[in-house]
PDB file of N, CA and C in Angstrom:
ATOM      1  N   MET A   1      99.909 -47.072  63.561  1.00  0.00           N
ATOM      2  CA  MET A   1      98.773 -46.754  62.693  1.00  0.00           C
ATOM      3  C   MET A   1      98.473 -45.245  62.698  1.00  0.00           C
ATOM      4  N   THR A   2      98.578 -44.649  63.888  1.00  0.00           N
ATOM      5  CA  THR A   2      98.263 -43.220  63.975  1.00  0.00           C
ATOM      6  C   THR A   2      99.292 -42.375  63.211  1.00  0.00           C
ATOM      7  N   SER A   3     100.570 -42.808  63.242  1.00  0.00           N
ATOM      8  CA  SER A   3     101.607 -42.051  62.536  1.00  0.00           C
ATOM      9  C   SER A   3     101.359 -42.072  61.022  1.00  0.00           C
ATOM     10  N   PHE A   4     100.823 -43.183  60.527  1.00  0.00           N
ATOM     11  CA  PHE A   4     100.500 -43.272  59.105  1.00  0.00           C
ATOM     12  C   PHE A   4      99.463 -42.221  58.726  1.00  0.00           C
ATOM     13  N   PHE A   5      98.418 -42.112  59.543  1.00  0.00           N
ATOM     14  CA  PHE A   5      97.364 -41.122  59.260  1.00  0.00           C
ATOM     15  C   PHE A   5      97.903 -39.707  59.394  1.00  0.00           C
ATOM     16  N   LYS A   6      98.801 -39.519  60.368  1.00  0.00           N
ATOM     17  CA  LYS A   6      99.402 -38.201  60.555  1.00  0.00           C
ATOM     18  C   LYS A   6     100.177 -37.788  59.302  1.00  0.00           C
ATOM     19  N   ASN A   7     100.992 -38.705  58.765  1.00  0.00           N
ATOM     20  CA  ASN A   7     101.770 -38.413  57.552  1.00  0.00           C
ATOM     21  C   ASN A   7     100.856 -38.127  56.364  1.00  0.00           C
ATOM     22  N   GLU A   8      99.800 -38.899  56.271  1.00  0.00           N
ATOM     23  CA  GLU A   8      98.830 -38.705  55.194  1.00  0.00           C
ATOM     24  C   GLU A   8      98.231 -37.300  55.280  1.00  0.00           C
ATOM     25  N   PHE A   9      97.912 -36.892  56.498  1.00  0.00           N
ATOM     26  CA  PHE A   9      97.321 -35.580  56.765  1.00  0.00           C
ATOM     27  C   PHE A   9      98.306 -34.479  56.364  1.00  0.00           C
ATOM     28  N   ASN A  10      99.567 -34.639  56.757  1.00  0.00           N
ATOM     29  CA  ASN A  10     100.607 -33.657  56.414  1.00  0.00           C
ATOM     30  C   ASN A  10     100.795 -33.551  54.909  1.00  0.00           C
ATOM     31  N   LEU A  11     100.784 -34.679  54.225  1.00  0.00           N
ATOM     32  CA  LEU A  11     100.920 -34.664  52.762  1.00  0.00           C
ATOM     33  C   LEU A  11      99.770 -33.907  52.128  1.00  0.00           C
ATOM     34  N   TYR A  12      98.574 -34.122  52.655  1.00  0.00           N
ATOM     35  CA  TYR A  12      97.397 -33.430  52.130  1.00  0.00           C
ATOM     36  C   TYR A  12      97.571 -31.921  52.261  1.00  0.00           C
ATOM     37  N   PHE A  13      98.033 -31.481  53.445  1.00  0.00           N
ATOM     38  CA  PHE A  13      98.196 -30.041  53.650  1.00  0.00           C
ATOM     39  C   PHE A  13      99.339 -29.466  52.821  1.00  0.00           C
ATOM     40  N   LEU A  14     100.417 -30.253  52.673  1.00  0.00           N
ATOM     41  CA  LEU A  14     101.516 -29.797  51.818  1.00  0.00           C
ATOM     42  C   LEU A  14     101.038 -29.606  50.390  1.00  0.00           C
ATOM     43  N   PHE A  15     100.249 -30.557  49.906  1.00  0.00           N
ATOM     44  CA  PHE A  15      99.723 -30.456  48.545  1.00  0.00           C
ATOM     45  C   PHE A  15      98.821 -29.233  48.417  1.00  0.00           C
ATOM     46  N   LYS A  16      97.957 -29.025  49.426  1.00  0.00           N
ATOM     47  CA  LYS A  16      97.043 -27.890  49.410  1.00  0.00           C
ATOM     48  C   LYS A  16      97.832 -26.576  49.410  1.00  0.00           C
ATOM     49  N   TYR A  17      98.884 -26.513  50.256  1.00  0.00           N
ATOM     50  CA  TYR A  17      99.714 -25.327  50.375  1.00  0.00           C
ATOM     51  C   TYR A  17     100.438 -25.046  49.057  1.00  0.00           C
ATOM     52  N   TYR A  18     100.970 -26.105  48.442  1.00  0.00           N
ATOM     53  CA  TYR A  18     101.668 -25.967  47.159  1.00  0.00           C
ATOM     54  C   TYR A  18     100.719 -25.437  46.097  1.00  0.00           C
ATOM     55  N   LYS A  19      99.483 -25.968  46.097  1.00  0.00           N
ATOM     56  CA  LYS A  19      98.495 -25.521  45.122  1.00  0.00           C
ATOM     57  C   LYS A  19      98.171 -24.035  45.323  1.00  0.00           C
ATOM     58  N   MET A  20      98.041 -23.618  46.603  1.00  0.00           N
ATOM     59  CA  MET A  20      97.767 -22.207  46.909  1.00  0.00           C
ATOM     60  C   MET A  20      98.899 -21.319  46.426  1.00  0.00           C
ATOM     61  N   LEU A  21     100.143 -21.738  46.720  1.00  0.00           N
ATOM     62  CA  LEU A  21     101.301 -20.948  46.276  1.00  0.00           C
ATOM     63  C   LEU A  21     101.334 -20.831  44.759  1.00  0.00           C
ATOM     64  N   ASN A  22     101.038 -21.925  44.090  1.00  0.00           N
ATOM     65  CA  ASN A  22     101.009 -21.932  42.635  1.00  0.00           C
ATOM     66  C   ASN A  22      99.985 -20.919  42.120  1.00  0.00           C
ATOM     67  N   ASP A  23      98.801 -20.916  42.744  1.00  0.00           N
ATOM     68  CA  ASP A  23      97.754 -19.968  42.355  1.00  0.00           C
ATOM     69  C   ASP A  23      98.204 -18.535  42.610  1.00  0.00           C
ATOM     70  N   ILE A  24      98.898 -18.322  43.739  1.00  0.00           N
ATOM     71  CA  ILE A  24      99.369 -16.969  44.063  1.00  0.00           C
ATOM     72  C   ILE A  24     100.353 -16.488  43.010  1.00  0.00           C
ATOM     73  N   PHE A  25     101.314 -17.350  42.645  1.00  0.00           N
ATOM     74  CA  PHE A  25     102.303 -16.924  41.651  1.00  0.00           C
ATOM     75  C   PHE A  25     101.647 -16.673  40.296  1.00  0.00           C
ATOM     76  N   ARG A  26     100.649 -17.473  39.961  1.00  0.00           N
ATOM     77  CA  ARG A  26      99.916 -17.257  38.709  1.00  0.00           C
ATOM     78  C   ARG A  26      99.189 -15.918  38.772  1.00  0.00           C
ATOM     79  N   GLU A  27      98.600 -15.630  39.936  1.00  0.00           N
ATOM     80  CA  GLU A  27      97.878 -14.373  40.141  1.00  0.00           C
ATOM     81  C   GLU A  27      98.819 -13.175  40.018  1.00  0.00           C
ATOM     82  N   ILE A  28      99.991 -13.293  40.650  1.00  0.00           N
ATOM     83  CA  ILE A  28     100.974 -12.204  40.584  1.00  0.00           C
ATOM     84  C   ILE A  28     101.378 -11.954  39.134  1.00  0.00           C
ATOM     85  N   LYS A  29     101.633 -13.038  38.415  1.00  0.00           N
ATOM     86  CA  LYS A  29     102.046 -12.914  37.009  1.00  0.00           C
ATOM     87  C   LYS A  29     100.951 -12.240  36.182  1.00  0.00           C
ATOM     88  N   SER A  30      99.704 -12.672  36.376  1.00  0.00           N
ATOM     89  CA  SER A  30      98.610 -12.088  35.596  1.00  0.00           C
ATOM     90  C   SER A  30      98.402 -10.618  35.969  1.00  0.00           C
ATOM     91  N   GLN A  31      98.544 -10.300  37.271  1.00  0.00           N
ATOM     92  CA  GLN A  31      98.392  -8.906  37.706  1.00  0.00           C
ATOM     93  C   GLN A  31      99.491  -8.041  37.090  1.00  0.00           C
ATOM     94  N   LYS A  32     100.715  -8.571  37.047  1.00  0.00           N
ATOM     95  CA  LYS A  32     101.820  -7.816  36.435  1.00  0.00           C
ATOM     96  C   LYS A  32     101.537  -7.569  34.962  1.00  0.00           C
ATOM     97  N   ASP A  33     101.043  -8.592  34.275  1.00  0.00           N
ATOM     98  CA  ASP A  33     100.729  -8.445  32.849  1.00  0.00           C
ATOM     99  C   ASP A  33      99.656  -7.381  32.643  1.00  0.00           C
ATOM    100  N   ILE A  34      98.609  -7.446  33.454  1.00  0.00           N
ATOM    101  CA  ILE A  34      97.511  -6.475  33.341  1.00  0.00           C
ATOM    102  C   ILE A  34      98.042  -5.070  33.613  1.00  0.00           C
ATOM    103  N   GLN A  35      98.870  -4.947  34.687  1.00  0.00           N
ATOM    104  CA  GLN A  35      99.399  -3.637  35.062  1.00  0.00           C
ATOM    105  C   GLN A  35     100.255  -3.053  33.936  1.00  0.00           C
ATOM    106  N   SER A  36     101.122  -3.880  33.380  1.00  0.00           N
ATOM    107  CA  SER A  36     102.003  -3.364  32.324  1.00  0.00           C
ATOM    108  C   SER A  36     101.181  -2.975  31.096  1.00  0.00           C
ATOM    109  N   ARG A  37     100.161  -3.757  30.784  1.00  0.00           N
ATOM    110  CA  ARG A  37      99.305  -3.428  29.634  1.00  0.00           C
ATOM    111  C   ARG A  37      98.563  -2.117  29.869  1.00  0.00           C
ATOM    112  N   LYS A  38      98.088  -1.918  31.118  1.00  0.00           N
ATOM    113  CA  LYS A  38      97.339  -0.688  31.407  1.00  0.00           C
ATOM    114  C   LYS A  38      98.245   0.524  31.363  1.00  0.00           C
ATOM    115  N   ILE A  39      99.487   0.354  31.841  1.00  0.00           N
ATOM    116  CA  ILE A  39     100.424   1.479  31.800  1.00  0.00           C
ATOM    117  C   ILE A  39     100.729   1.836  30.346  1.00  0.00           C
ATOM    118  N   ILE A  40     100.907   0.807  29.515  1.00  0.00           N
ATOM    119  CA  ILE A  40     101.210   1.044  28.097  1.00  0.00           C
ATOM    120  C   ILE A  40     100.025   1.751  27.426  1.00  0.00           C
ATOM    121  N   SER A  41      98.803   1.292  27.747  1.00  0.00           N
ATOM    122  CA  SER A  41      97.634   1.878  27.086  1.00  0.00           C
ATOM    123  C   SER A  41      97.210   3.207  27.705  1.00  0.00           C
ATOM    124  N   GLY A  42      97.853   3.590  28.820  1.00  0.00           N
ATOM    125  CA  GLY A  42      97.632   4.923  29.371  1.00  0.00           C
ATOM    126  C   GLY A  42      96.466   5.043  30.339  1.00  0.00           C
ATOM    127  N   PHE A  43      96.012   3.930  30.912  1.00  0.00           N
ATOM    128  CA  PHE A  43      94.944   4.023  31.911  1.00  0.00           C
ATOM    129  C   PHE A  43      95.515   4.539  33.223  1.00  0.00           C
ATOM    130  N   SER A  44      94.630   5.144  34.031  1.00  0.00           N
ATOM    131  CA  SER A  44      95.092   5.585  35.349  1.00  0.00           C
ATOM    132  C   SER A  44      95.195   4.382  36.276  1.00  0.00           C
ATOM    133  N   LYS A  45      96.065   4.488  37.286  1.00  0.00           N
ATOM    134  CA  LYS A  45      96.259   3.370  38.214  1.00  0.00           C
ATOM    135  C   LYS A  45      95.046   3.170  39.120  1.00  0.00           C
ATOM    136  N   LYS A  46      94.214   4.201  39.257  1.00  0.00           N
ATOM    137  CA  LYS A  46      93.031   4.088  40.127  1.00  0.00           C
ATOM    138  C   LYS A  46      92.017   3.090  39.564  1.00  0.00           C
ATOM    139  N   LYS A  47      91.985   2.955  38.247  1.00  0.00           N
ATOM    140  CA  LYS A  47      91.054   2.011  37.621  1.00  0.00           C
ATOM    141  C   LYS A  47      91.557   0.575  37.730  1.00  0.00           C
ATOM    142  N   PHE A  48      92.872   0.432  38.048  1.00  0.00           N
ATOM    143  CA  PHE A  48      93.473  -0.904  38.166  1.00  0.00           C
ATOM    144  C   PHE A  48      92.932  -1.613  39.409  1.00  0.00           C
ATOM    145  N   PRO A  49      92.409  -2.837  39.264  1.00  0.00           N
ATOM    146  CA  PRO A  49      91.844  -3.535  40.420  1.00  0.00           C
ATOM    147  C   PRO A  49      92.907  -3.860  41.464  1.00  0.00           C
ATOM    148  N   LYS A  50      92.513  -3.845  42.726  1.00  0.00           N
ATOM    149  CA  LYS A  50      93.439  -4.118  43.829  1.00  0.00           C
ATOM    150  C   LYS A  50      94.074  -5.489  43.655  1.00  0.00           C
ATOM    151  N   ASN A  51      95.316  -5.584  44.069  1.00  0.00           N
ATOM    152  CA  ASN A  51      96.031  -6.856  43.947  1.00  0.00           C
ATOM    153  C   ASN A  51      95.438  -7.876  44.918  1.00  0.00           C
ATOM    154  N   LEU A  52      95.126  -9.061  44.412  1.00  0.00           N
ATOM    155  CA  LEU A  52      94.474 -10.092  45.214  1.00  0.00           C
ATOM    156  C   LEU A  52      95.454 -10.938  46.006  1.00  0.00           C
ATOM    157  N   THR A  53      96.753 -10.755  45.759  1.00  0.00           N
ATOM    158  CA  THR A  53      97.734 -11.626  46.423  1.00  0.00           C
ATOM    159  C   THR A  53      97.710 -11.442  47.935  1.00  0.00           C
ATOM    160  N   ASN A  54      97.451 -10.233  48.419  1.00  0.00           N
ATOM    161  CA  ASN A  54      97.403 -10.012  49.868  1.00  0.00           C
ATOM    162  C   ASN A  54      96.314 -10.846  50.506  1.00  0.00           C
ATOM    163  N   HIS A  55      95.160 -10.910  49.861  1.00  0.00           N
ATOM    164  CA  HIS A  55      94.052 -11.702  50.392  1.00  0.00           C
ATOM    165  C   HIS A  55      94.409 -13.185  50.401  1.00  0.00           C
ATOM    166  N   LEU A  56      95.081 -13.640  49.336  1.00  0.00           N
ATOM    167  CA  LEU A  56      95.467 -15.047  49.249  1.00  0.00           C
ATOM    168  C   LEU A  56      96.504 -15.394  50.309  1.00  0.00           C
ATOM    169  N   LEU A  57      97.487 -14.509  50.520  1.00  0.00           N
ATOM    170  CA  LEU A  57      98.499 -14.753  51.550  1.00  0.00           C
ATOM    171  C   LEU A  57      97.862 -14.776  52.933  1.00  0.00           C
ATOM    172  N   TYR A  58      96.913 -13.879  53.163  1.00  0.00           N
ATOM    173  CA  TYR A  58      96.194 -13.842  54.437  1.00  0.00           C
ATOM    174  C   TYR A  58      95.443 -15.153  54.658  1.00  0.00           C
ATOM    175  N   GLY A  59      94.877 -15.672  53.574  1.00  0.00           N
ATOM    176  CA  GLY A  59      94.167 -16.954  53.648  1.00  0.00           C
ATOM    177  C   GLY A  59      95.093 -18.091  54.014  1.00  0.00           C
ATOM    178  N   ILE A  60      96.326 -18.065  53.496  1.00  0.00           N
ATOM    179  CA  ILE A  60      97.302 -19.116  53.831  1.00  0.00           C
ATOM    180  C   ILE A  60      97.671 -19.023  55.302  1.00  0.00           C
ATOM    181  N   VAL A  61      97.889 -17.802  55.800  1.00  0.00           N
ATOM    182  CA  VAL A  61      98.260 -17.626  57.210  1.00  0.00           C
ATOM    183  C   VAL A  61      97.150 -18.151  58.109  1.00  0.00           C
ATOM    184  N   ILE A  62      95.905 -17.862  57.764  1.00  0.00           N
ATOM    185  CA  ILE A  62      94.771 -18.368  58.543  1.00  0.00           C
ATOM    186  C   ILE A  62      94.680 -19.891  58.418  1.00  0.00           C
ATOM    187  N   GLY A  63      94.930 -20.400  57.202  1.00  0.00           N
ATOM    188  CA  GLY A  63      94.862 -21.845  56.962  1.00  0.00           C
ATOM    189  C   GLY A  63      95.848 -22.638  57.811  1.00  0.00           C
ATOM    190  N   ILE A  64      97.016 -22.037  58.056  1.00  0.00           N
ATOM    191  CA  ILE A  64      98.028 -22.738  58.878  1.00  0.00           C
ATOM    192  C   ILE A  64      97.620 -22.610  60.328  1.00  0.00           C
TER     193      ILE A  64
END
């Protein structure tokens, strides 16, 4: 019985981890799009918001 709950728990975390990774890749893609648009339009890089992927990766490391 305990092994069943353990597997259920692992599946939950795998799903959560997959969802986080999916969000990170979406974030990276959107940041790349924003960056390329800003470079094309001639904005300075200082006005570009900091990349959030580092914070998300840090959150995953803490989550594990």
